[in-house]
Amino acid sequence: MVDGVPVVTPSPDLKDERVYKVLGKASLEDAGEWQYPTNALHRFLKISVEMP
């Protein structure tokens, strides 16, 4: 956490070779979509990693 915001740091950091997105959801029981960007209401997070 940095200033109350979750921070994800990949190891090793391949930021030139991968695109990292943090997606969030307020409840796992909610059938709604995962949202980007995340906000303070999102208690559950998942990381999406894509190749550019």
Protein backbone atom coordinates (compact mmCIF):
# COMPACT_ATOMS: atom_id res chain seq x y z
CA MET A 1 0.00 0.00 0.00
CA VAL A 2 1.25 3.46 -0.90
CA ASP A 3 -0.84 6.39 0.35
CA GLY A 4 -3.78 4.03 0.90
CA VAL A 5 -3.63 2.64 -2.66
CA PRO A 6 -2.63 -0.97 -3.41
CA VAL A 7 0.57 -1.21 -5.46
CA VAL A 8 1.59 -4.30 -7.40
CA THR A 9 5.24 -4.72 -8.33
CA PRO A 10 6.05 -7.64 -10.62
CA SER A 11 9.28 -9.50 -10.14
CA PRO A 12 11.10 -9.55 -12.50
CA ASP A 13 9.67 -6.32 -13.90
CA LEU A 14 9.17 -6.91 -17.63
CA LYS A 15 7.27 -3.66 -18.26
CA ASP A 16 8.67 -3.30 -21.79
CA GLU A 17 7.58 -6.85 -22.66
CA ARG A 18 4.27 -7.07 -20.74
CA VAL A 19 1.23 -4.88 -20.06
CA TYR A 20 0.03 -5.15 -16.45
CA LYS A 21 -3.49 -4.07 -15.43
CA VAL A 22 -4.98 -4.22 -11.93
CA LEU A 23 -8.71 -4.97 -12.04
CA GLY A 24 -11.07 -4.69 -9.07
CA LYS A 25 -14.45 -5.76 -7.77
CA ALA A 26 -16.39 -4.81 -4.63
CA SER A 27 -17.78 -8.33 -4.07
CA LEU A 28 -17.07 -11.77 -5.46
CA GLU A 29 -20.81 -12.53 -5.27
CA ASP A 30 -21.51 -9.68 -7.70
CA ALA A 31 -21.92 -10.98 -11.26
CA GLY A 32 -20.70 -7.65 -12.67
CA GLU A 33 -17.53 -7.19 -14.66
CA TRP A 34 -14.09 -6.59 -13.18
CA GLN A 35 -13.34 -2.87 -13.45
CA TYR A 36 -10.27 -0.90 -14.44
CA PRO A 37 -9.09 1.33 -12.91
CA THR A 38 -9.76 0.09 -9.42
CA ASN A 39 -11.02 2.36 -6.66
CA ALA A 40 -11.40 2.37 -2.87
CA LEU A 41 -14.63 0.31 -3.06
CA HIS A 42 -12.87 -2.63 -4.70
CA ARG A 43 -11.92 -5.13 -2.02
CA PHE A 44 -10.94 -7.89 -4.47
CA LEU A 45 -8.20 -7.44 -7.04
CA LYS A 46 -6.83 -9.47 -9.93
CA ILE A 47 -3.91 -8.79 -12.23
CA SER A 48 -4.21 -9.00 -16.01
CA VAL A 49 -0.92 -9.56 -17.85
CA GLU A 50 -0.80 -9.21 -21.63
CA MET A 51 1.88 -9.23 -24.28
CA PRO A 52 1.95 -6.00 -26.34
